[in-house]
């Protein structure tokens, strides 16, 4: 199958199981008065009136954080029906829906800011270029892409530990955008999965990246 991972997280129920496994971490995020390293990088780029989308939003816990202080219109998609149902009851200010990154049900240029929230490492490789194209399609010229994901020293494919047959694909995913001149990497911060400190195991290293889309500025005029 070309969409084995997508099927597992949608009809196969792994999306709901992922949500249940991480429910306590989401709750800590709601109660904490401090932002994590990725959000500390991202939030200064958000402006009042922005329309933002988080892909892999789960119940919307992370997505709800900027709405505390910034007047943004926030949307989220996630393959877990349980997570979306929980989020709709807990965060009525958010626009949450069930969906996957390769099929975004939004108009062209609809968003000022799109976040990939720790999900690209689980996207089927056959759907990866379509996922990047969908984000590009839905992002305004002058908008920003934010990516939080694993960042090993070299691209790696490892078994996904929670379900046999699935793979975790770890890679610096900003490179899939910056291969095109209209995308420029503005900032990138590295930390580790579960802690902000350096981790000796490269498989536990994580990065948060901000990429700007500009259809004109990426090209030198001759």
C-alpha atoms as a PDB file:
ATOM      1  CA  UNK A   1       0.000   0.000   0.000  1.00  0.00           C
ATOM      2  CA  UNK A   2       1.218   3.501  -0.767  1.00  0.00           C
ATOM      3  CA  UNK A   3      -0.551   5.013   2.250  1.00  0.00           C
ATOM      4  CA  UNK A   4       0.074   2.391   4.923  1.00  0.00           C
ATOM      5  CA  UNK A   5       0.881   4.953   7.623  1.00  0.00           C
ATOM      6  CA  UNK A   6      -2.043   7.221   6.751  1.00  0.00           C
ATOM      7  CA  UNK A   7      -4.424   4.254   6.959  1.00  0.00           C
ATOM      8  CA  UNK A   8      -2.989   3.222  10.321  1.00  0.00           C
ATOM      9  CA  UNK A   9      -3.566   6.672  11.815  1.00  0.00           C
ATOM     10  CA  UNK A  10      -7.057   7.109  10.357  1.00  0.00           C
ATOM     11  CA  UNK A  11      -9.089   3.930   9.871  1.00  0.00           C
ATOM     12  CA  UNK A  12      -6.567   1.837  11.812  1.00  0.00           C
ATOM     13  CA  UNK A  13      -7.078   3.801  15.023  1.00  0.00           C
ATOM     14  CA  UNK A  14      -3.445   4.677  15.755  1.00  0.00           C
ATOM     15  CA  UNK A  15      -4.351   8.373  15.720  1.00  0.00           C
ATOM     16  CA  UNK A  16      -6.704   7.832  18.676  1.00  0.00           C
ATOM     17  CA  UNK A  17      -4.148   5.665  20.489  1.00  0.00           C
ATOM     18  CA  UNK A  18      -1.463   8.317  19.950  1.00  0.00           C
ATOM     19  CA  UNK A  19      -3.762  10.886  21.532  1.00  0.00           C
ATOM     20  CA  UNK A  20      -4.477   8.684  24.547  1.00  0.00           C
ATOM     21  CA  UNK A  21      -0.786   7.940  25.116  1.00  0.00           C
ATOM     22  CA  UNK A  22       0.055  11.650  25.157  1.00  0.00           C
ATOM     23  CA  UNK A  23      -3.014  13.010  26.943  1.00  0.00           C
ATOM     24  CA  UNK A  24      -1.105  13.750  30.172  1.00  0.00           C
ATOM     25  CA  UNK A  25       1.578  15.702  28.290  1.00  0.00           C
ATOM     26  CA  UNK A  26      -1.084  17.801  26.604  1.00  0.00           C
ATOM     27  CA  UNK A  27      -2.610  18.576  29.991  1.00  0.00           C
ATOM     28  CA  UNK A  28       0.754  19.724  31.356  1.00  0.00           C
ATOM     29  CA  UNK A  29       0.998  22.123  28.423  1.00  0.00           C
ATOM     30  CA  UNK A  30      -2.359  23.690  29.294  1.00  0.00           C
ATOM     31  CA  UNK A  31      -1.425  24.178  32.949  1.00  0.00           C
ATOM     32  CA  UNK A  32       2.111  25.444  32.377  1.00  0.00           C
ATOM     33  CA  UNK A  33       2.815  29.175  32.464  1.00  0.00           C
ATOM     34  CA  UNK A  34       5.975  28.691  30.380  1.00  0.00           C
ATOM     35  CA  UNK A  35       6.245  28.137  26.634  1.00  0.00           C
ATOM     36  CA  UNK A  36       8.293  25.306  25.203  1.00  0.00           C
ATOM     37  CA  UNK A  37      11.312  25.993  22.965  1.00  0.00           C
ATOM     38  CA  UNK A  38       9.391  25.653  19.695  1.00  0.00           C
ATOM     39  CA  UNK A  39       6.651  28.076  20.722  1.00  0.00           C
ATOM     40  CA  UNK A  40       9.187  30.571  22.029  1.00  0.00           C
ATOM     41  CA  UNK A  41      10.594  30.619  18.514  1.00  0.00           C
ATOM     42  CA  UNK A  42       7.255  30.708  16.692  1.00  0.00           C
ATOM     43  CA  UNK A  43       5.104  33.152  18.648  1.00  0.00           C
ATOM     44  CA  UNK A  44       7.014  36.368  17.797  1.00  0.00           C
ATOM     45  CA  UNK A  45       6.123  35.749  14.148  1.00  0.00           C
ATOM     46  CA  UNK A  46       2.387  35.711  14.866  1.00  0.00           C
ATOM     47  CA  UNK A  47       0.389  38.907  14.476  1.00  0.00           C
ATOM     48  CA  UNK A  48      -3.129  39.910  15.462  1.00  0.00           C
ATOM     49  CA  UNK A  49      -5.540  39.022  12.700  1.00  0.00           C
ATOM     50  CA  UNK A  50      -3.437  36.118  11.401  1.00  0.00           C
ATOM     51  CA  UNK A  51      -5.144  32.951  10.298  1.00  0.00           C
ATOM     52  CA  UNK A  52      -3.055  29.964  11.452  1.00  0.00           C
ATOM     53  CA  UNK A  53      -3.210  26.216  10.874  1.00  0.00           C
ATOM     54  CA  UNK A  54      -1.579  23.463  12.890  1.00  0.00           C
ATOM     55  CA  UNK A  55      -1.221  20.152  11.071  1.00  0.00           C
ATOM     56  CA  UNK A  56      -1.123  17.388  13.643  1.00  0.00           C
ATOM     57  CA  UNK A  57      -2.961  19.498  16.214  1.00  0.00           C
ATOM     58  CA  UNK A  58      -4.318  16.592  18.305  1.00  0.00           C
ATOM     59  CA  UNK A  59      -6.896  18.089  20.719  1.00  0.00           C
ATOM     60  CA  UNK A  60      -5.674  21.634  20.073  1.00  0.00           C
ATOM     61  CA  UNK A  61      -3.721  22.079  23.298  1.00  0.00           C
ATOM     62  CA  UNK A  62      -0.671  23.569  21.606  1.00  0.00           C
ATOM     63  CA  UNK A  63      -2.799  25.494  19.123  1.00  0.00           C
ATOM     64  CA  UNK A  64      -4.767  27.108  21.955  1.00  0.00           C
ATOM     65  CA  UNK A  65      -1.677  28.734  23.484  1.00  0.00           C
ATOM     66  CA  UNK A  66      -1.291  31.713  21.123  1.00  0.00           C
ATOM     67  CA  UNK A  67      -5.012  32.484  21.386  1.00  0.00           C
ATOM     68  CA  UNK A  68      -4.457  33.389  25.058  1.00  0.00           C
ATOM     69  CA  UNK A  69      -2.559  36.547  24.136  1.00  0.00           C
ATOM     70  CA  UNK A  70      -2.854  37.100  20.378  1.00  0.00           C
ATOM     71  CA  UNK A  71      -6.058  37.726  18.426  1.00  0.00           C
ATOM     72  CA  UNK A  72      -5.584  34.974  15.821  1.00  0.00           C
ATOM     73  CA  UNK A  73      -8.018  32.745  13.978  1.00  0.00           C
ATOM     74  CA  UNK A  74      -6.748  29.244  14.737  1.00  0.00           C
ATOM     75  CA  UNK A  75      -7.442  26.050  12.775  1.00  0.00           C
ATOM     76  CA  UNK A  76      -6.186  22.520  13.409  1.00  0.00           C
ATOM     77  CA  UNK A  77      -6.396  19.144  11.692  1.00  0.00           C
ATOM     78  CA  UNK A  78      -5.574  15.728  13.096  1.00  0.00           C
ATOM     79  CA  UNK A  79      -6.379  12.127  12.067  1.00  0.00           C
ATOM     80  CA  UNK A  80      -7.727  11.314  15.545  1.00  0.00           C
ATOM     81  CA  UNK A  81     -11.492  11.679  15.874  1.00  0.00           C
ATOM     82  CA  UNK A  82     -11.168  11.306  19.655  1.00  0.00           C
ATOM     83  CA  UNK A  83      -8.646  14.138  19.860  1.00  0.00           C
ATOM     84  CA  UNK A  84     -10.737  16.457  17.708  1.00  0.00           C
ATOM     85  CA  UNK A  85     -13.885  15.712  19.727  1.00  0.00           C
ATOM     86  CA  UNK A  86     -12.011  16.442  22.970  1.00  0.00           C
ATOM     87  CA  UNK A  87     -10.588  19.663  21.584  1.00  0.00           C
ATOM     88  CA  UNK A  88     -13.921  20.955  20.338  1.00  0.00           C
ATOM     89  CA  UNK A  89     -15.349  20.689  23.843  1.00  0.00           C
ATOM     90  CA  UNK A  90     -12.274  22.048  25.620  1.00  0.00           C
ATOM     91  CA  UNK A  91     -11.261  24.824  23.205  1.00  0.00           C
ATOM     92  CA  UNK A  92     -14.387  26.203  21.511  1.00  0.00           C
ATOM     93  CA  UNK A  93     -12.401  29.135  20.112  1.00  0.00           C
ATOM     94  CA  UNK A  94     -10.505  26.762  17.805  1.00  0.00           C
ATOM     95  CA  UNK A  95     -11.631  25.412  14.442  1.00  0.00           C
ATOM     96  CA  UNK A  96     -10.684  21.729  14.676  1.00  0.00           C
ATOM     97  CA  UNK A  97     -11.382  19.017  12.127  1.00  0.00           C
ATOM     98  CA  UNK A  98     -10.346  15.477  11.263  1.00  0.00           C
ATOM     99  CA  UNK A  99      -7.901  15.364   8.376  1.00  0.00           C
ATOM    100  CA  UNK A 100      -4.417  14.569   7.115  1.00  0.00           C
ATOM    101  CA  UNK A 101      -1.568  16.695   5.786  1.00  0.00           C
ATOM    102  CA  UNK A 102      -1.777  15.479   2.187  1.00  0.00           C
ATOM    103  CA  UNK A 103      -5.373  16.676   1.733  1.00  0.00           C
ATOM    104  CA  UNK A 104      -6.025  20.110   3.225  1.00  0.00           C
ATOM    105  CA  UNK A 105      -9.661  21.154   2.883  1.00  0.00           C
ATOM    106  CA  UNK A 106      -8.893  24.885   2.664  1.00  0.00           C
ATOM    107  CA  UNK A 107      -8.726  27.439  -0.165  1.00  0.00           C
ATOM    108  CA  UNK A 108      -5.513  28.584  -1.815  1.00  0.00           C
ATOM    109  CA  UNK A 109      -3.589  31.185   0.190  1.00  0.00           C
ATOM    110  CA  UNK A 110      -5.893  30.823   3.189  1.00  0.00           C
ATOM    111  CA  UNK A 111      -3.295  30.958   5.979  1.00  0.00           C
ATOM    112  CA  UNK A 112      -0.640  33.362   7.225  1.00  0.00           C
ATOM    113  CA  UNK A 113       1.095  30.735   9.348  1.00  0.00           C
ATOM    114  CA  UNK A 114       1.176  26.923   9.087  1.00  0.00           C
ATOM    115  CA  UNK A 115       2.673  24.670  11.765  1.00  0.00           C
ATOM    116  CA  UNK A 116       3.681  21.045  11.237  1.00  0.00           C
ATOM    117  CA  UNK A 117       3.372  19.831  14.820  1.00  0.00           C
ATOM    118  CA  UNK A 118       5.593  16.768  15.098  1.00  0.00           C
ATOM    119  CA  UNK A 119       3.929  14.858  12.284  1.00  0.00           C
ATOM    120  CA  UNK A 120       6.129  14.863   9.172  1.00  0.00           C
ATOM    121  CA  UNK A 121       8.209  11.959  10.476  1.00  0.00           C
ATOM    122  CA  UNK A 122       5.093   9.768  10.197  1.00  0.00           C
ATOM    123  CA  UNK A 123       3.910  10.820   6.729  1.00  0.00           C
ATOM    124  CA  UNK A 124       4.041   8.093   4.066  1.00  0.00           C
ATOM    125  CA  UNK A 125       6.953   8.749   1.738  1.00  0.00           C
ATOM    126  CA  UNK A 126       4.590   8.391  -1.239  1.00  0.00           C
ATOM    127  CA  UNK A 127       2.532  11.275   0.191  1.00  0.00           C
ATOM    128  CA  UNK A 128       5.382  13.513   1.332  1.00  0.00           C
ATOM    129  CA  UNK A 129       5.714  15.701  -1.788  1.00  0.00           C
ATOM    130  CA  UNK A 130       1.932  16.107  -1.894  1.00  0.00           C
ATOM    131  CA  UNK A 131       2.015  17.174   1.764  1.00  0.00           C
ATOM    132  CA  UNK A 132       4.603  19.869   1.020  1.00  0.00           C
ATOM    133  CA  UNK A 133       2.631  21.035  -2.017  1.00  0.00           C
ATOM    134  CA  UNK A 134      -0.594  21.290  -0.010  1.00  0.00           C
ATOM    135  CA  UNK A 135       1.061  23.469   2.632  1.00  0.00           C
ATOM    136  CA  UNK A 136       2.511  25.686  -0.100  1.00  0.00           C
ATOM    137  CA  UNK A 137      -0.897  25.956  -1.766  1.00  0.00           C
ATOM    138  CA  UNK A 138      -2.654  27.019   1.414  1.00  0.00           C
ATOM    139  CA  UNK A 139       0.006  29.503   2.568  1.00  0.00           C
ATOM    140  CA  UNK A 140      -0.140  33.164   1.576  1.00  0.00           C
ATOM    141  CA  UNK A 141       2.780  34.858  -0.119  1.00  0.00           C
ATOM    142  CA  UNK A 142       4.686  36.438   2.763  1.00  0.00           C
ATOM    143  CA  UNK A 143       3.455  33.794   5.211  1.00  0.00           C
ATOM    144  CA  UNK A 144       5.461  31.418   7.389  1.00  0.00           C
ATOM    145  CA  UNK A 145       5.879  27.665   7.772  1.00  0.00           C
ATOM    146  CA  UNK A 146       6.899  26.332  11.198  1.00  0.00           C
ATOM    147  CA  UNK A 147       8.226  22.786  11.560  1.00  0.00           C
ATOM    148  CA  UNK A 148       8.820  20.900  14.791  1.00  0.00           C
ATOM    149  CA  UNK A 149      10.276  17.442  14.195  1.00  0.00           C
ATOM    150  CA  UNK A 150      13.148  15.073  14.817  1.00  0.00           C
ATOM    151  CA  UNK A 151      16.529  16.185  13.472  1.00  0.00           C
ATOM    152  CA  UNK A 152      19.158  13.413  13.409  1.00  0.00           C
ATOM    153  CA  UNK A 153      22.659  13.858  11.990  1.00  0.00           C
ATOM    154  CA  UNK A 154      21.678  11.902   8.870  1.00  0.00           C
ATOM    155  CA  UNK A 155      18.268  10.920   7.424  1.00  0.00           C
ATOM    156  CA  UNK A 156      17.096   7.739   9.099  1.00  0.00           C
ATOM    157  CA  UNK A 157      14.222   5.268   8.875  1.00  0.00           C
ATOM    158  CA  UNK A 158      13.502   3.387  12.086  1.00  0.00           C
ATOM    159  CA  UNK A 159      10.626   1.133  13.193  1.00  0.00           C
ATOM    160  CA  UNK A 160       7.796   3.060  14.829  1.00  0.00           C
ATOM    161  CA  UNK A 161       7.813   1.584  18.322  1.00  0.00           C
ATOM    162  CA  UNK A 162       4.078   1.767  18.970  1.00  0.00           C
ATOM    163  CA  UNK A 163       2.830  -0.267  15.988  1.00  0.00           C
ATOM    164  CA  UNK A 164       4.540  -2.985  13.965  1.00  0.00           C
ATOM    165  CA  UNK A 165       4.968  -2.268  10.271  1.00  0.00           C
ATOM    166  CA  UNK A 166       5.181   1.524  10.526  1.00  0.00           C
ATOM    167  CA  UNK A 167       8.330   3.604  10.125  1.00  0.00           C
ATOM    168  CA  UNK A 168       9.605   6.812  11.745  1.00  0.00           C
ATOM    169  CA  UNK A 169      11.352   8.891   9.065  1.00  0.00           C
ATOM    170  CA  UNK A 170      13.675  11.408  10.711  1.00  0.00           C
ATOM    171  CA  UNK A 171      15.044  14.239   8.576  1.00  0.00           C
ATOM    172  CA  UNK A 172      15.563  18.047   8.663  1.00  0.00           C
ATOM    173  CA  UNK A 173      12.261  18.700   6.912  1.00  0.00           C
ATOM    174  CA  UNK A 174      12.806  22.411   6.299  1.00  0.00           C
ATOM    175  CA  UNK A 175      15.079  21.305   3.437  1.00  0.00           C
ATOM    176  CA  UNK A 176      12.033  20.113   1.487  1.00  0.00           C
ATOM    177  CA  UNK A 177      10.848  23.716   1.371  1.00  0.00           C
ATOM    178  CA  UNK A 178      14.145  25.577   1.085  1.00  0.00           C
ATOM    179  CA  UNK A 179      15.075  23.565  -2.011  1.00  0.00           C
ATOM    180  CA  UNK A 180      12.824  26.138  -3.723  1.00  0.00           C
ATOM    181  CA  UNK A 181      14.041  29.773  -3.864  1.00  0.00           C
ATOM    182  CA  UNK A 182      10.681  31.160  -2.727  1.00  0.00           C
ATOM    183  CA  UNK A 183      11.234  29.635   0.731  1.00  0.00           C
ATOM    184  CA  UNK A 184      13.903  31.024   3.048  1.00  0.00           C
ATOM    185  CA  UNK A 185      14.937  29.528   6.385  1.00  0.00           C
ATOM    186  CA  UNK A 186      14.798  32.371   8.913  1.00  0.00           C
ATOM    187  CA  UNK A 187      15.590  30.609  12.192  1.00  0.00           C
ATOM    188  CA  UNK A 188      16.266  27.103  13.431  1.00  0.00           C
ATOM    189  CA  UNK A 189      16.764  25.987  17.022  1.00  0.00           C
ATOM    190  CA  UNK A 190      17.783  22.512  18.110  1.00  0.00           C
ATOM    191  CA  UNK A 191      16.955  20.783  21.378  1.00  0.00           C
ATOM    192  CA  UNK A 192      15.977  17.252  22.390  1.00  0.00           C
ATOM    193  CA  UNK A 193      12.861  15.163  22.642  1.00  0.00           C
ATOM    194  CA  UNK A 194      11.602  15.571  26.204  1.00  0.00           C
ATOM    195  CA  UNK A 195      14.190  18.134  27.289  1.00  0.00           C
ATOM    196  CA  UNK A 196      15.716  21.376  26.099  1.00  0.00           C
ATOM    197  CA  UNK A 197      19.239  20.099  26.785  1.00  0.00           C
ATOM    198  CA  UNK A 198      21.560  18.513  24.260  1.00  0.00           C
ATOM    199  CA  UNK A 199      21.093  14.749  23.860  1.00  0.00           C
ATOM    200  CA  UNK A 200      23.988  12.441  22.980  1.00  0.00           C
ATOM    201  CA  UNK A 201      21.679  10.219  20.910  1.00  0.00           C
ATOM    202  CA  UNK A 202      21.093  11.933  17.536  1.00  0.00           C
ATOM    203  CA  UNK A 203      17.803  10.059  17.204  1.00  0.00           C
ATOM    204  CA  UNK A 204      16.471  12.082  20.152  1.00  0.00           C
ATOM    205  CA  UNK A 205      17.429  15.462  18.696  1.00  0.00           C
ATOM    206  CA  UNK A 206      14.652  17.801  17.624  1.00  0.00           C
ATOM    207  CA  UNK A 207      14.533  21.115  15.830  1.00  0.00           C
ATOM    208  CA  UNK A 208      12.085  23.975  15.437  1.00  0.00           C
ATOM    209  CA  UNK A 209      12.368  25.896  12.177  1.00  0.00           C
ATOM    210  CA  UNK A 210      10.737  29.021  10.746  1.00  0.00           C
ATOM    211  CA  UNK A 211      10.540  29.383   6.971  1.00  0.00           C
ATOM    212  CA  UNK A 212       9.247  32.438   5.100  1.00  0.00           C
ATOM    213  CA  UNK A 213       7.490  32.263   1.746  1.00  0.00           C
ATOM    214  CA  UNK A 214       8.259  35.071  -0.686  1.00  0.00           C
ATOM    215  CA  UNK A 215       7.548  34.597  -4.370  1.00  0.00           C
ATOM    216  CA  UNK A 216       9.854  37.462  -5.383  1.00  0.00           C
ATOM    217  CA  UNK A 217      12.606  37.831  -2.800  1.00  0.00           C
ATOM    218  CA  UNK A 218      14.166  34.434  -3.403  1.00  0.00           C
ATOM    219  CA  UNK A 219      15.374  35.340  -6.877  1.00  0.00           C
ATOM    220  CA  UNK A 220      18.297  37.566  -7.796  1.00  0.00           C
ATOM    221  CA  UNK A 221      17.456  40.107 -10.470  1.00  0.00           C
ATOM    222  CA  UNK A 222      19.995  40.232 -13.301  1.00  0.00           C
END
